[in-house]
N, C-alpha and C. Protein backbone atom coordinates (compact mmCIF):
# COMPACT_ATOMS: atom_id res chain seq x y z
N MET A 1 -38.88 -50.19 14.21
CA MET A 1 -38.45 -48.92 13.64
C MET A 1 -38.74 -48.87 12.15
N LYS A 2 -38.67 -50.01 11.44
CA LYS A 2 -38.93 -50.02 10.01
C LYS A 2 -40.35 -49.54 9.72
N ARG A 3 -41.35 -50.03 10.50
CA ARG A 3 -42.72 -49.59 10.31
C ARG A 3 -42.83 -48.08 10.56
N SER A 4 -42.06 -47.57 11.51
CA SER A 4 -42.07 -46.15 11.83
C SER A 4 -41.65 -45.33 10.63
N LEU A 5 -40.56 -45.71 10.00
CA LEU A 5 -40.07 -44.95 8.85
C LEU A 5 -41.01 -45.08 7.66
N ILE A 6 -41.64 -46.23 7.50
CA ILE A 6 -42.62 -46.39 6.43
C ILE A 6 -43.80 -45.45 6.67
N TRP A 7 -44.31 -45.38 7.90
CA TRP A 7 -45.44 -44.50 8.22
C TRP A 7 -45.06 -43.04 7.99
N ILE A 8 -43.87 -42.63 8.43
CA ILE A 8 -43.42 -41.25 8.21
C ILE A 8 -43.30 -40.99 6.71
N GLY A 9 -42.75 -41.93 5.97
CA GLY A 9 -42.63 -41.78 4.53
C GLY A 9 -43.98 -41.65 3.85
N PHE A 10 -44.97 -42.40 4.31
CA PHE A 10 -46.33 -42.30 3.77
C PHE A 10 -46.88 -40.90 3.97
N VAL A 11 -46.73 -40.39 5.16
CA VAL A 11 -47.33 -39.10 5.46
C VAL A 11 -46.64 -37.97 4.70
N ILE A 12 -45.33 -38.01 4.61
CA ILE A 12 -44.62 -36.93 3.94
C ILE A 12 -44.75 -37.03 2.43
N THR A 13 -44.63 -38.21 1.87
CA THR A 13 -44.65 -38.33 0.42
C THR A 13 -46.00 -38.74 -0.13
N GLY A 14 -46.88 -39.31 0.69
CA GLY A 14 -48.20 -39.70 0.23
C GLY A 14 -48.18 -40.90 -0.69
N LEU A 15 -47.23 -41.80 -0.54
CA LEU A 15 -47.13 -42.95 -1.42
C LEU A 15 -47.96 -44.11 -0.89
N LEU A 16 -49.26 -44.02 -1.07
CA LEU A 16 -50.15 -45.07 -0.61
C LEU A 16 -51.41 -45.05 -1.46
N VAL A 17 -52.02 -46.21 -1.64
CA VAL A 17 -53.27 -46.30 -2.40
C VAL A 17 -54.36 -45.61 -1.60
N VAL A 18 -55.22 -44.88 -2.30
CA VAL A 18 -56.28 -44.15 -1.62
C VAL A 18 -57.64 -44.66 -2.07
N CYS A 19 -58.66 -44.26 -1.35
CA CYS A 19 -60.02 -44.71 -1.62
C CYS A 19 -60.64 -43.93 -2.77
N PRO A 20 -61.54 -44.57 -3.54
CA PRO A 20 -62.19 -43.86 -4.64
C PRO A 20 -63.24 -42.87 -4.13
N VAL A 21 -63.51 -41.88 -4.95
CA VAL A 21 -64.57 -40.92 -4.62
C VAL A 21 -65.91 -41.61 -4.72
N VAL A 22 -66.74 -41.39 -3.75
CA VAL A 22 -68.07 -41.98 -3.77
C VAL A 22 -69.11 -40.92 -4.14
N ARG A 23 -69.01 -39.73 -3.55
CA ARG A 23 -70.00 -38.70 -3.81
C ARG A 23 -69.37 -37.33 -3.61
N SER A 24 -69.64 -36.42 -4.53
CA SER A 24 -69.15 -35.06 -4.39
C SER A 24 -70.28 -34.10 -4.72
N GLU A 25 -70.49 -33.11 -3.88
CA GLU A 25 -71.56 -32.14 -4.10
C GLU A 25 -70.97 -30.75 -4.22
N THR A 26 -70.17 -30.55 -5.28
CA THR A 26 -69.47 -29.27 -5.40
C THR A 26 -70.43 -28.11 -5.60
N ASP A 27 -71.59 -28.35 -6.18
CA ASP A 27 -72.53 -27.26 -6.39
C ASP A 27 -73.08 -26.73 -5.07
N LEU A 28 -73.05 -27.53 -4.01
CA LEU A 28 -73.53 -27.11 -2.71
C LEU A 28 -72.41 -26.62 -1.80
N GLY A 29 -71.17 -26.66 -2.31
CA GLY A 29 -70.05 -26.26 -1.48
C GLY A 29 -69.70 -27.30 -0.43
N MET A 30 -70.14 -28.53 -0.62
CA MET A 30 -69.94 -29.60 0.35
C MET A 30 -69.31 -30.79 -0.36
N TYR A 31 -68.34 -31.40 0.31
CA TYR A 31 -67.77 -32.66 -0.16
C TYR A 31 -68.18 -33.72 0.84
N SER A 32 -68.68 -34.83 0.35
CA SER A 32 -69.07 -35.93 1.22
C SER A 32 -68.59 -37.23 0.60
N ASN A 33 -68.00 -38.08 1.42
CA ASN A 33 -67.52 -39.37 0.94
C ASN A 33 -68.07 -40.44 1.87
N THR A 34 -69.01 -41.22 1.37
CA THR A 34 -69.65 -42.23 2.21
C THR A 34 -68.71 -43.38 2.54
N LYS A 35 -67.75 -43.66 1.70
CA LYS A 35 -66.80 -44.74 1.99
C LYS A 35 -65.87 -44.34 3.13
N LEU A 36 -65.35 -43.11 3.10
CA LEU A 36 -64.49 -42.63 4.17
C LEU A 36 -65.28 -42.13 5.37
N ARG A 37 -66.58 -41.88 5.16
CA ARG A 37 -67.51 -41.42 6.21
C ARG A 37 -67.12 -40.06 6.79
N ILE A 38 -66.72 -39.16 5.90
CA ILE A 38 -66.43 -37.80 6.32
C ILE A 38 -67.07 -36.83 5.33
N SER A 39 -67.31 -35.62 5.80
CA SER A 39 -67.77 -34.55 4.93
C SER A 39 -67.22 -33.24 5.45
N PHE A 40 -67.14 -32.25 4.57
CA PHE A 40 -66.67 -30.92 4.96
C PHE A 40 -67.04 -29.93 3.89
N ASN A 41 -67.03 -28.66 4.26
CA ASN A 41 -67.31 -27.58 3.31
C ASN A 41 -66.12 -27.38 2.39
N ILE A 42 -66.42 -27.12 1.13
CA ILE A 42 -65.38 -26.76 0.17
C ILE A 42 -65.19 -25.25 0.29
N PRO A 43 -64.02 -24.80 0.67
CA PRO A 43 -63.81 -23.36 0.83
C PRO A 43 -64.05 -22.58 -0.46
N LYS A 44 -64.67 -21.42 -0.32
CA LYS A 44 -64.92 -20.54 -1.46
C LYS A 44 -63.58 -20.20 -2.11
N GLY A 45 -63.55 -20.28 -3.44
CA GLY A 45 -62.33 -19.98 -4.17
C GLY A 45 -61.50 -21.20 -4.49
N MET A 46 -61.89 -22.37 -4.00
CA MET A 46 -61.16 -23.60 -4.29
C MET A 46 -61.98 -24.43 -5.28
N ASN A 47 -61.31 -25.12 -6.18
CA ASN A 47 -61.97 -26.02 -7.11
C ASN A 47 -61.69 -27.45 -6.71
N LEU A 48 -62.71 -28.31 -6.79
CA LEU A 48 -62.57 -29.72 -6.47
C LEU A 48 -62.45 -30.51 -7.77
N TYR A 49 -61.40 -31.33 -7.86
CA TYR A 49 -61.21 -32.19 -9.02
C TYR A 49 -61.15 -33.63 -8.55
N THR A 50 -61.75 -34.51 -9.33
CA THR A 50 -61.78 -35.94 -9.04
C THR A 50 -61.32 -36.70 -10.29
N PRO A 51 -61.05 -37.99 -10.18
CA PRO A 51 -60.72 -38.75 -11.38
C PRO A 51 -61.84 -38.69 -12.43
N GLU A 52 -63.09 -38.60 -11.96
CA GLU A 52 -64.22 -38.51 -12.89
C GLU A 52 -64.34 -37.12 -13.51
N ASN A 53 -63.87 -36.10 -12.81
CA ASN A 53 -63.94 -34.72 -13.27
C ASN A 53 -62.59 -34.04 -13.00
N PRO A 54 -61.54 -34.43 -13.78
CA PRO A 54 -60.19 -33.96 -13.47
C PRO A 54 -59.90 -32.52 -13.90
N GLY A 55 -60.77 -31.93 -14.71
CA GLY A 55 -60.53 -30.56 -15.16
C GLY A 55 -59.15 -30.43 -15.75
N PRO A 56 -58.46 -29.31 -15.49
CA PRO A 56 -57.13 -29.10 -16.06
C PRO A 56 -56.04 -29.93 -15.40
N LEU A 57 -56.39 -30.71 -14.37
CA LEU A 57 -55.39 -31.50 -13.65
C LEU A 57 -55.36 -32.97 -14.08
N ALA A 58 -55.91 -33.27 -15.24
CA ALA A 58 -56.01 -34.66 -15.68
C ALA A 58 -54.67 -35.39 -15.61
N SER A 59 -53.59 -34.75 -15.99
CA SER A 59 -52.29 -35.42 -15.98
C SER A 59 -51.69 -35.49 -14.58
N GLN A 60 -52.18 -34.70 -13.62
CA GLN A 60 -51.62 -34.66 -12.27
C GLN A 60 -52.45 -35.44 -11.25
N LEU A 61 -53.61 -35.88 -11.64
CA LEU A 61 -54.53 -36.55 -10.70
C LEU A 61 -54.60 -38.02 -11.04
N PRO A 62 -53.90 -38.87 -10.27
CA PRO A 62 -53.96 -40.30 -10.57
C PRO A 62 -55.36 -40.85 -10.33
N PRO A 63 -55.74 -41.88 -11.06
CA PRO A 63 -57.09 -42.42 -10.92
C PRO A 63 -57.39 -42.96 -9.52
N THR A 64 -56.35 -43.25 -8.74
CA THR A 64 -56.57 -43.76 -7.38
C THR A 64 -56.76 -42.65 -6.35
N ALA A 65 -56.53 -41.39 -6.73
CA ALA A 65 -56.68 -40.28 -5.78
C ALA A 65 -58.17 -39.93 -5.64
N PRO A 66 -58.66 -39.79 -4.40
CA PRO A 66 -60.08 -39.47 -4.26
C PRO A 66 -60.41 -38.08 -4.76
N TRP A 67 -59.52 -37.11 -4.54
CA TRP A 67 -59.77 -35.75 -5.00
C TRP A 67 -58.59 -34.87 -4.69
N ILE A 68 -58.63 -33.68 -5.26
CA ILE A 68 -57.68 -32.63 -4.92
C ILE A 68 -58.45 -31.31 -4.98
N LEU A 69 -58.21 -30.46 -4.01
CA LEU A 69 -58.76 -29.11 -4.00
C LEU A 69 -57.63 -28.17 -4.41
N VAL A 70 -57.92 -27.26 -5.33
CA VAL A 70 -56.89 -26.39 -5.85
C VAL A 70 -57.41 -24.95 -5.91
N ASN A 71 -56.53 -24.02 -5.57
CA ASN A 71 -56.81 -22.61 -5.77
C ASN A 71 -56.49 -22.32 -7.24
N PRO A 72 -57.48 -22.02 -8.08
CA PRO A 72 -57.20 -21.83 -9.51
C PRO A 72 -56.29 -20.64 -9.80
N ALA A 73 -56.21 -19.69 -8.89
CA ALA A 73 -55.35 -18.52 -9.10
C ALA A 73 -53.88 -18.85 -8.81
N PHE A 74 -53.63 -19.93 -8.07
CA PHE A 74 -52.27 -20.34 -7.71
C PHE A 74 -52.31 -21.84 -7.46
N THR A 75 -52.07 -22.63 -8.52
CA THR A 75 -52.31 -24.08 -8.45
C THR A 75 -51.40 -24.82 -7.49
N GLU A 76 -50.27 -24.21 -7.07
CA GLU A 76 -49.45 -24.87 -6.05
C GLU A 76 -50.10 -24.80 -4.67
N GLU A 77 -51.22 -24.10 -4.56
CA GLU A 77 -51.98 -24.02 -3.31
C GLU A 77 -53.09 -25.06 -3.42
N ASN A 78 -52.93 -26.16 -2.68
CA ASN A 78 -53.87 -27.27 -2.85
C ASN A 78 -53.97 -28.11 -1.59
N VAL A 79 -54.99 -28.95 -1.58
CA VAL A 79 -55.22 -29.90 -0.49
C VAL A 79 -55.45 -31.27 -1.12
N THR A 80 -54.65 -32.25 -0.71
CA THR A 80 -54.83 -33.62 -1.17
C THR A 80 -55.10 -34.50 0.04
N VAL A 81 -55.62 -35.69 -0.20
CA VAL A 81 -55.88 -36.63 0.89
C VAL A 81 -55.39 -38.01 0.51
N LYS A 82 -54.85 -38.70 1.48
CA LYS A 82 -54.44 -40.10 1.32
C LYS A 82 -55.08 -40.88 2.46
N ALA A 83 -55.45 -42.11 2.19
CA ALA A 83 -56.09 -42.94 3.21
C ALA A 83 -55.51 -44.34 3.19
N SER A 84 -55.49 -44.96 4.37
CA SER A 84 -55.05 -46.35 4.45
C SER A 84 -55.93 -47.08 5.47
N ARG A 85 -56.09 -48.35 5.25
CA ARG A 85 -56.91 -49.17 6.15
C ARG A 85 -56.09 -49.63 7.35
N GLY A 86 -56.81 -49.99 8.40
CA GLY A 86 -56.17 -50.61 9.55
C GLY A 86 -55.37 -49.67 10.41
N VAL A 87 -55.79 -48.42 10.53
CA VAL A 87 -55.09 -47.44 11.36
C VAL A 87 -56.01 -47.03 12.51
N SER A 88 -55.52 -47.20 13.73
CA SER A 88 -56.31 -46.89 14.92
C SER A 88 -55.91 -45.53 15.50
N GLU A 89 -56.69 -45.09 16.49
CA GLU A 89 -56.34 -43.86 17.23
C GLU A 89 -54.96 -44.02 17.88
N ASP A 90 -54.68 -45.21 18.41
CA ASP A 90 -53.37 -45.47 19.03
C ASP A 90 -52.24 -45.34 18.02
N ASP A 91 -52.49 -45.78 16.78
CA ASP A 91 -51.48 -45.63 15.73
C ASP A 91 -51.18 -44.16 15.45
N VAL A 92 -52.22 -43.32 15.47
CA VAL A 92 -52.03 -41.90 15.22
C VAL A 92 -51.21 -41.27 16.34
N VAL A 93 -51.52 -41.63 17.59
CA VAL A 93 -50.72 -41.13 18.72
C VAL A 93 -49.28 -41.63 18.60
N GLY A 94 -49.12 -42.88 18.19
CA GLY A 94 -47.78 -43.42 17.96
C GLY A 94 -47.05 -42.69 16.84
N PHE A 95 -47.80 -42.27 15.84
CA PHE A 95 -47.21 -41.52 14.74
C PHE A 95 -46.64 -40.18 15.24
N LYS A 96 -47.37 -39.51 16.11
CA LYS A 96 -46.86 -38.26 16.68
C LYS A 96 -45.56 -38.50 17.42
N LYS A 97 -45.53 -39.59 18.20
CA LYS A 97 -44.31 -39.92 18.94
C LYS A 97 -43.15 -40.17 17.98
N LEU A 98 -43.42 -40.85 16.88
CA LEU A 98 -42.38 -41.08 15.88
C LEU A 98 -41.85 -39.77 15.31
N LEU A 99 -42.76 -38.86 15.00
CA LEU A 99 -42.32 -37.56 14.49
C LEU A 99 -41.50 -36.81 15.52
N ASP A 100 -41.93 -36.90 16.80
CA ASP A 100 -41.16 -36.26 17.88
C ASP A 100 -39.77 -36.87 18.00
N ASP A 101 -39.68 -38.20 17.88
CA ASP A 101 -38.41 -38.90 18.05
C ASP A 101 -37.50 -38.78 16.83
N GLU A 102 -38.07 -38.63 15.66
CA GLU A 102 -37.28 -38.57 14.42
C GLU A 102 -37.08 -37.11 14.03
N SER A 103 -36.17 -36.44 14.69
CA SER A 103 -35.96 -35.01 14.42
C SER A 103 -35.30 -34.77 13.06
N ASP A 104 -34.62 -35.77 12.53
CA ASP A 104 -33.93 -35.61 11.25
C ASP A 104 -34.48 -36.64 10.26
N ILE A 105 -35.67 -36.36 9.72
CA ILE A 105 -36.29 -37.27 8.77
C ILE A 105 -35.50 -37.23 7.46
N PRO A 106 -35.14 -38.40 6.93
CA PRO A 106 -34.27 -38.45 5.75
C PRO A 106 -35.01 -38.14 4.44
N VAL A 107 -35.56 -36.94 4.33
CA VAL A 107 -36.21 -36.48 3.11
C VAL A 107 -35.48 -35.22 2.67
N PRO A 108 -34.99 -35.20 1.43
CA PRO A 108 -34.24 -34.03 0.98
C PRO A 108 -35.03 -32.73 1.11
N LYS A 109 -34.38 -31.70 1.62
CA LYS A 109 -34.92 -30.35 1.73
C LYS A 109 -36.16 -30.26 2.62
N TYR A 110 -36.23 -31.15 3.63
CA TYR A 110 -37.32 -31.14 4.60
C TYR A 110 -36.88 -30.40 5.85
N LYS A 111 -37.76 -29.53 6.39
CA LYS A 111 -37.49 -28.84 7.65
C LYS A 111 -38.78 -28.81 8.46
N ARG A 112 -38.76 -29.53 9.58
CA ARG A 112 -39.93 -29.57 10.45
C ARG A 112 -40.07 -28.24 11.18
N LEU A 113 -41.31 -27.73 11.24
CA LEU A 113 -41.59 -26.51 12.00
C LEU A 113 -42.33 -26.82 13.29
N SER A 114 -43.28 -27.75 13.25
CA SER A 114 -43.99 -28.13 14.48
C SER A 114 -44.72 -29.45 14.31
N VAL A 115 -44.95 -30.10 15.44
CA VAL A 115 -45.76 -31.33 15.51
C VAL A 115 -46.54 -31.23 16.80
N ARG A 116 -47.87 -31.41 16.72
CA ARG A 116 -48.69 -31.34 17.92
C ARG A 116 -50.01 -32.07 17.71
N ILE A 117 -50.68 -32.36 18.81
CA ILE A 117 -52.01 -32.94 18.79
C ILE A 117 -53.01 -31.79 18.79
N ILE A 118 -54.01 -31.87 17.88
CA ILE A 118 -55.07 -30.87 17.84
C ILE A 118 -56.42 -31.59 17.80
N LYS A 119 -57.49 -30.85 17.93
CA LYS A 119 -58.86 -31.37 17.78
C LYS A 119 -59.45 -30.73 16.53
N ILE A 120 -60.07 -31.56 15.68
CA ILE A 120 -60.68 -31.06 14.45
C ILE A 120 -62.15 -31.43 14.42
N GLY A 121 -62.88 -30.86 13.48
CA GLY A 121 -64.28 -31.15 13.27
C GLY A 121 -65.18 -30.03 13.79
N LYS A 122 -66.42 -30.05 13.32
CA LYS A 122 -67.41 -29.07 13.78
C LYS A 122 -67.52 -29.06 15.28
N LEU A 123 -67.44 -30.26 15.87
CA LEU A 123 -67.58 -30.40 17.32
C LEU A 123 -66.23 -30.47 18.02
N LYS A 124 -65.16 -30.29 17.27
CA LYS A 124 -63.80 -30.43 17.81
C LYS A 124 -63.67 -31.73 18.61
N ASN A 125 -64.17 -32.81 18.00
CA ASN A 125 -64.24 -34.09 18.69
C ASN A 125 -63.32 -35.17 18.11
N LYS A 126 -62.46 -34.79 17.18
CA LYS A 126 -61.57 -35.77 16.57
C LYS A 126 -60.12 -35.36 16.83
N GLN A 127 -59.39 -36.25 17.49
CA GLN A 127 -57.97 -36.00 17.76
C GLN A 127 -57.17 -36.23 16.49
N ALA A 128 -56.23 -35.33 16.22
CA ALA A 128 -55.41 -35.43 15.02
C ALA A 128 -53.99 -34.96 15.32
N VAL A 129 -53.06 -35.42 14.50
CA VAL A 129 -51.68 -34.94 14.58
C VAL A 129 -51.52 -33.87 13.50
N GLU A 130 -51.05 -32.70 13.92
CA GLU A 130 -50.76 -31.62 12.98
C GLU A 130 -49.24 -31.55 12.83
N HIS A 131 -48.78 -31.65 11.59
CA HIS A 131 -47.35 -31.66 11.26
C HIS A 131 -47.14 -30.54 10.24
N ILE A 132 -46.45 -29.49 10.65
CA ILE A 132 -46.19 -28.37 9.76
C ILE A 132 -44.70 -28.39 9.42
N PHE A 133 -44.41 -28.27 8.12
CA PHE A 133 -43.02 -28.32 7.69
C PHE A 133 -42.83 -27.57 6.38
N MET A 134 -41.58 -27.31 6.05
CA MET A 134 -41.23 -26.71 4.77
C MET A 134 -40.49 -27.76 3.96
N MET A 135 -40.65 -27.68 2.63
CA MET A 135 -39.99 -28.61 1.75
C MET A 135 -39.89 -27.99 0.37
N GLN A 136 -38.80 -28.24 -0.30
CA GLN A 136 -38.61 -27.72 -1.65
C GLN A 136 -39.22 -28.70 -2.64
N GLY A 137 -40.12 -28.22 -3.47
CA GLY A 137 -40.70 -28.98 -4.57
C GLY A 137 -40.59 -28.09 -5.79
N ASN A 138 -41.71 -27.91 -6.52
CA ASN A 138 -41.73 -26.93 -7.62
C ASN A 138 -41.45 -25.53 -7.07
N ILE A 139 -41.86 -25.30 -5.83
CA ILE A 139 -41.63 -24.05 -5.12
C ILE A 139 -41.15 -24.39 -3.72
N LEU A 140 -40.62 -23.41 -2.99
CA LEU A 140 -40.34 -23.64 -1.58
C LEU A 140 -41.68 -23.58 -0.89
N GLY A 141 -42.16 -24.71 -0.43
CA GLY A 141 -43.50 -24.79 0.11
C GLY A 141 -43.54 -24.94 1.61
N LYS A 142 -44.64 -24.48 2.16
CA LYS A 142 -44.96 -24.72 3.56
C LYS A 142 -46.19 -25.61 3.55
N LEU A 143 -46.11 -26.70 4.28
CA LEU A 143 -47.17 -27.70 4.25
C LEU A 143 -47.72 -27.93 5.65
N ARG A 144 -49.00 -28.19 5.71
CA ARG A 144 -49.68 -28.54 6.95
C ARG A 144 -50.36 -29.87 6.71
N GLN A 145 -49.92 -30.88 7.43
CA GLN A 145 -50.54 -32.20 7.31
C GLN A 145 -51.33 -32.48 8.57
N ILE A 146 -52.55 -32.92 8.37
CA ILE A 146 -53.43 -33.32 9.46
C ILE A 146 -53.70 -34.81 9.29
N THR A 147 -53.29 -35.60 10.28
CA THR A 147 -53.45 -37.05 10.22
C THR A 147 -54.34 -37.51 11.37
N PHE A 148 -55.34 -38.33 11.03
CA PHE A 148 -56.25 -38.83 12.05
C PHE A 148 -56.80 -40.18 11.61
N SER A 149 -57.45 -40.85 12.54
CA SER A 149 -58.07 -42.14 12.27
C SER A 149 -59.58 -41.98 12.38
N HIS A 150 -60.29 -42.60 11.44
CA HIS A 150 -61.75 -42.61 11.50
C HIS A 150 -62.24 -43.93 10.94
N LYS A 151 -62.99 -44.64 11.75
CA LYS A 151 -63.57 -45.93 11.34
C LYS A 151 -62.54 -46.89 10.78
N GLY A 152 -61.37 -46.96 11.45
CA GLY A 152 -60.34 -47.91 11.07
C GLY A 152 -59.48 -47.50 9.88
N ARG A 153 -59.63 -46.27 9.44
CA ARG A 153 -58.81 -45.77 8.33
C ARG A 153 -57.96 -44.60 8.83
N GLY A 154 -56.73 -44.57 8.39
CA GLY A 154 -55.88 -43.41 8.65
C GLY A 154 -56.02 -42.46 7.49
N LEU A 155 -56.26 -41.20 7.78
CA LEU A 155 -56.40 -40.18 6.74
C LEU A 155 -55.38 -39.08 6.97
N THR A 156 -54.71 -38.68 5.90
CA THR A 156 -53.77 -37.57 5.97
C THR A 156 -54.16 -36.55 4.91
N PHE A 157 -54.50 -35.36 5.38
CA PHE A 157 -54.79 -34.24 4.51
C PHE A 157 -53.52 -33.40 4.43
N THR A 158 -53.03 -33.16 3.23
CA THR A 158 -51.85 -32.34 3.04
C THR A 158 -52.25 -31.04 2.38
N CYS A 159 -52.04 -29.96 3.10
CA CYS A 159 -52.35 -28.61 2.64
C CYS A 159 -51.03 -27.95 2.28
N ALA A 160 -50.90 -27.52 1.03
CA ALA A 160 -49.61 -27.00 0.58
C ALA A 160 -49.76 -25.67 -0.14
N THR A 161 -48.77 -24.81 0.04
CA THR A 161 -48.69 -23.55 -0.68
C THR A 161 -47.27 -23.00 -0.57
N ALA A 162 -47.02 -21.87 -1.20
CA ALA A 162 -45.72 -21.20 -1.08
C ALA A 162 -45.59 -20.62 0.33
N VAL A 163 -44.37 -20.55 0.82
CA VAL A 163 -44.11 -20.07 2.18
C VAL A 163 -44.76 -18.71 2.42
N ASP A 164 -44.61 -17.77 1.48
CA ASP A 164 -45.14 -16.42 1.70
C ASP A 164 -46.67 -16.34 1.61
N ARG A 165 -47.33 -17.39 1.15
CA ARG A 165 -48.79 -17.41 1.04
C ARG A 165 -49.46 -18.23 2.14
N TYR A 166 -48.66 -18.89 2.96
CA TYR A 166 -49.19 -19.88 3.90
C TYR A 166 -50.22 -19.30 4.88
N ASP A 167 -49.92 -18.23 5.57
CA ASP A 167 -50.82 -17.71 6.60
C ASP A 167 -52.20 -17.40 6.04
N LYS A 168 -52.25 -16.73 4.91
CA LYS A 168 -53.54 -16.39 4.29
C LYS A 168 -54.26 -17.66 3.81
N ALA A 169 -53.53 -18.56 3.17
CA ALA A 169 -54.14 -19.80 2.68
C ALA A 169 -54.67 -20.64 3.84
N ASN A 170 -53.93 -20.68 4.94
CA ASN A 170 -54.37 -21.46 6.09
C ASN A 170 -55.67 -20.88 6.65
N ARG A 171 -55.76 -19.55 6.72
CA ARG A 171 -56.96 -18.88 7.24
C ARG A 171 -58.18 -19.08 6.33
N HIS A 172 -57.97 -18.94 5.02
CA HIS A 172 -59.10 -18.92 4.08
C HIS A 172 -59.43 -20.27 3.44
N PHE A 173 -58.45 -21.14 3.31
CA PHE A 173 -58.68 -22.41 2.63
C PHE A 173 -58.51 -23.63 3.53
N PHE A 174 -57.37 -23.75 4.18
CA PHE A 174 -57.04 -24.99 4.88
C PHE A 174 -57.85 -25.16 6.16
N ASP A 175 -57.76 -24.21 7.06
CA ASP A 175 -58.42 -24.35 8.36
C ASP A 175 -59.94 -24.50 8.25
N PRO A 176 -60.64 -23.80 7.33
CA PRO A 176 -62.08 -24.00 7.23
C PRO A 176 -62.50 -25.44 6.93
N ILE A 177 -61.65 -26.18 6.23
CA ILE A 177 -61.97 -27.59 5.97
C ILE A 177 -62.06 -28.35 7.29
N PHE A 178 -61.05 -28.17 8.15
CA PHE A 178 -60.99 -28.93 9.40
C PHE A 178 -62.03 -28.45 10.42
N ARG A 179 -62.40 -27.17 10.36
CA ARG A 179 -63.42 -26.64 11.26
C ARG A 179 -64.83 -27.09 10.86
N SER A 180 -65.03 -27.42 9.57
CA SER A 180 -66.36 -27.81 9.10
C SER A 180 -66.54 -29.32 8.99
N MET A 181 -65.51 -30.08 9.26
CA MET A 181 -65.53 -31.52 9.06
C MET A 181 -66.54 -32.21 9.98
N ALA A 182 -67.27 -33.16 9.38
CA ALA A 182 -68.19 -34.00 10.13
C ALA A 182 -67.76 -35.45 9.93
N PHE A 183 -67.86 -36.22 11.00
CA PHE A 183 -67.44 -37.62 11.00
C PHE A 183 -68.69 -38.49 11.14
N ASN A 184 -69.03 -39.18 10.07
CA ASN A 184 -70.26 -39.98 10.03
C ASN A 184 -70.01 -41.37 10.62
N LYS A 185 -71.02 -41.88 11.28
CA LYS A 185 -70.91 -43.21 11.91
C LYS A 185 -71.09 -44.34 10.94
């Protein structure tokens, strides 16, 4: 059970070391990371910031974060990623079970809305856990976390925005990332 709560804590709070950025092609509207072996389209209207190119987020982007995508018109609307080694497909399925079993996660101002298995990627060939919840931070936010395993790494993408902006942001920013994702061998 201790490992379960640590995994849930990682996904909700993102307290884990992440992989460095290897390659970013923002001018082409494409993000590609050869170390994580994934790529996806950068949605129109979002800015990509990295430790090498932190832009106005220099104080908010730790050097260990691979990147953050931000809507410049509303900076609380963003997508971050965390990665960890040694995570299998079975671990991801186990993570969903943990979320199902832990209906009262001990995180202040957390409210789970849904947890389910989805398929992501251009080919809809990657199984992932989708965890949608609300949580109070700088704003009352609605978050969509997509967690999956690829090449022995667990990846969690956290898409966040204000509750009243969520549906539009999900349609225009968040979902296009997962629909365009490619998983490199």
